[in-house]
Amino acid sequence: MERDTVKLLKECDAGVKTAVNSIDEVLSDIKSEDLRRIMDDSRLKHQTLGDEIHSDLSALDEKGKDPSPISRAMSWMKINFKMTEKPSDSTIAELMYDGCSMGVKSLAKYLNEYGAASESSKAYAKHLIEIEDTLMSDLRTFM
């Protein structure tokens, strides 16, 4: 159980970090105050959940997990290429929507893969999915 718990918590931690990094990457390019508010709110929700996850990992004498350098580089390149090609709030919304979708897919996979994880770690993963789903819904109006 503890092994699955730690692995699920680490995947959630990496997901939160990926989301915050992606939001940080696009914030300065956002024109709409409404979109900026949505992204700031989502960033805060991710950070708050990340702090809780990190606290649980620390209680288990474990460290968090950073996103892989390759995935970070690919994300950075995709964001910067798309924003150079078509710099707009619509492009930002599409990029973030795609990222949320990939995050939800990964989290669902990890929930199934680490089925013996604690209920609290599963709750973190489900909450992160809810945050991503909410952001996806909010982003639709900007596409």
Protein backbone atom coordinates (compact mmCIF):
# COMPACT_ATOMS: atom_id res chain seq x y z
CA MET A 1 0.00 0.00 0.00
CA GLU A 2 2.70 2.49 0.98
CA ARG A 3 4.62 1.88 -2.26
CA ASP A 4 1.54 2.68 -4.37
CA THR A 5 0.72 5.65 -2.16
CA VAL A 6 4.18 7.17 -2.63
CA LYS A 7 4.14 6.56 -6.38
CA LEU A 8 0.68 8.13 -6.78
CA LEU A 9 1.64 11.12 -4.64
CA LYS A 10 4.80 11.63 -6.69
CA GLU A 11 2.87 11.52 -9.97
CA CYS A 12 0.38 14.04 -8.58
CA ASP A 13 3.29 16.24 -7.49
CA ALA A 14 4.83 16.10 -10.97
CA GLY A 15 1.44 16.91 -12.50
CA VAL A 16 0.97 19.94 -10.28
CA LYS A 17 4.46 21.21 -11.10
CA THR A 18 3.83 20.73 -14.82
CA ALA A 19 0.58 22.69 -14.60
CA VAL A 20 2.12 25.56 -12.64
CA ASN A 21 5.11 25.73 -15.00
CA SER A 22 2.79 25.82 -18.03
CA ILE A 23 0.62 28.53 -16.53
CA ASP A 24 3.71 30.58 -15.67
CA GLU A 25 4.92 30.18 -19.25
CA VAL A 26 1.79 31.83 -20.73
CA LEU A 27 0.71 34.36 -18.08
CA SER A 28 2.66 37.27 -19.53
CA ASP A 29 1.05 36.74 -22.95
CA ILE A 30 -2.56 36.80 -21.77
CA LYS A 31 -4.55 39.83 -22.95
CA SER A 32 -7.98 39.15 -21.46
CA GLU A 33 -8.46 40.02 -17.80
CA ASP A 34 -11.04 37.22 -17.54
CA LEU A 35 -8.58 34.64 -18.85
CA ARG A 36 -5.84 36.00 -16.60
CA ARG A 37 -8.15 35.68 -13.57
CA ILE A 38 -9.04 32.09 -14.52
CA MET A 39 -5.38 31.16 -14.96
CA ASP A 40 -4.32 32.88 -11.72
CA ASP A 41 -7.10 31.07 -9.85
CA SER A 42 -6.13 27.72 -11.34
CA ARG A 43 -2.47 28.34 -10.54
CA LEU A 44 -3.36 29.03 -6.91
CA LYS A 45 -5.50 25.86 -6.71
CA HIS A 46 -2.64 23.81 -8.15
CA GLN A 47 -0.11 25.33 -5.75
CA THR A 48 -2.35 24.78 -2.73
CA LEU A 49 -2.90 21.13 -3.65
CA GLY A 50 0.82 20.77 -4.39
CA ASP A 51 1.65 22.02 -0.89
CA GLU A 52 -0.67 19.40 0.63
CA ILE A 53 0.84 16.64 -1.50
CA HIS A 54 4.35 17.74 -0.59
CA SER A 55 3.42 17.70 3.09
CA ASP A 56 2.17 14.11 2.81
CA LEU A 57 5.31 13.05 0.94
CA SER A 58 7.47 14.65 3.64
CA ALA A 59 5.51 12.79 6.32
CA LEU A 60 6.49 9.57 4.49
CA ASP A 61 10.15 10.74 4.31
CA GLU A 62 9.86 11.04 0.54
CA LYS A 63 10.72 13.83 -1.86
CA GLY A 64 8.50 15.13 -4.62
CA LYS A 65 8.89 14.35 -8.29
CA ASP A 66 9.86 16.90 -10.90
CA PRO A 67 8.51 16.59 -14.42
CA SER A 68 11.05 14.96 -16.72
CA PRO A 69 13.42 17.39 -18.45
CA ILE A 70 12.31 16.03 -21.82
CA SER A 71 8.62 16.68 -21.15
CA ARG A 72 9.42 20.15 -19.81
CA ALA A 73 11.48 20.95 -22.90
CA MET A 74 8.80 19.63 -25.24
CA SER A 75 6.12 21.63 -23.45
CA TRP A 76 8.23 24.78 -23.59
CA MET A 77 8.91 24.31 -27.30
CA LYS A 78 5.24 23.66 -28.11
CA ILE A 79 4.07 26.71 -26.18
CA ASN A 80 6.70 28.99 -27.68
CA PHE A 81 6.23 27.70 -31.23
CA LYS A 82 2.45 28.08 -31.09
CA MET A 83 2.67 31.51 -29.49
CA THR A 84 5.15 32.69 -32.12
CA GLU A 85 2.94 31.32 -34.86
CA LYS A 86 -0.34 32.76 -33.51
CA PRO A 87 -0.01 34.84 -30.33
CA SER A 88 -3.53 35.08 -28.89
CA ASP A 89 -5.68 34.19 -25.93
CA SER A 90 -7.31 31.56 -28.12
CA THR A 91 -3.95 29.87 -28.66
CA ILE A 92 -3.24 29.98 -24.94
CA ALA A 93 -6.65 28.47 -24.19
CA GLU A 94 -6.06 25.67 -26.69
CA LEU A 95 -2.57 24.91 -25.37
CA MET A 96 -3.75 24.84 -21.77
CA TYR A 97 -6.81 22.77 -22.67
CA ASP A 98 -4.59 20.18 -24.37
CA GLY A 99 -2.29 20.10 -21.34
CA CYS A 100 -5.22 19.60 -18.98
CA SER A 101 -6.55 16.79 -21.13
CA MET A 102 -3.18 15.01 -21.07
CA GLY A 103 -2.98 15.52 -17.32
CA VAL A 104 -6.43 14.04 -16.70
CA LYS A 105 -5.57 11.06 -18.90
CA SER A 106 -2.32 10.44 -17.03
CA LEU A 107 -3.93 10.80 -13.62
CA ALA A 108 -6.70 8.36 -14.52
CA LYS A 109 -4.04 5.89 -15.63
CA TYR A 110 -2.10 6.31 -12.37
CA LEU A 111 -5.25 5.91 -10.27
CA ASN A 112 -5.77 2.52 -11.92
CA GLU A 113 -2.10 1.55 -11.87
CA TYR A 114 -1.65 2.35 -8.19
CA GLY A 115 -4.91 0.85 -6.97
CA ALA A 116 -3.48 -0.09 -3.58
CA ALA A 117 -2.67 3.55 -2.78
CA SER A 118 -4.19 5.15 0.29
CA GLU A 119 -7.60 6.76 0.01
CA SER A 120 -6.09 10.17 0.81
CA SER A 121 -3.61 9.93 -2.07
CA LYS A 122 -6.43 8.84 -4.39
CA ALA A 123 -8.42 11.84 -3.17
CA TYR A 124 -5.52 14.13 -4.17
CA ALA A 125 -5.46 12.62 -7.65
CA LYS A 126 -9.22 12.99 -8.00
CA HIS A 127 -9.07 16.58 -6.76
CA LEU A 128 -6.33 17.35 -9.28
CA ILE A 129 -8.54 15.88 -12.01
CA GLU A 130 -11.38 18.15 -10.83
CA ILE A 131 -9.10 21.20 -11.00
CA GLU A 132 -8.06 20.26 -14.52
CA ASP A 133 -11.66 19.57 -15.60
CA THR A 134 -12.78 22.94 -14.24
CA LEU A 135 -9.98 24.72 -16.06
CA MET A 136 -10.86 22.92 -19.30
CA SER A 137 -14.47 24.01 -18.95
CA ASP A 138 -13.46 27.61 -18.23
CA LEU A 139 -11.09 27.69 -21.21
CA ARG A 140 -13.75 26.69 -23.75
CA THR A 141 -15.13 30.22 -23.93
CA PHE A 142 -11.72 31.50 -25.10
CA MET A 143 -11.22 29.04 -27.96
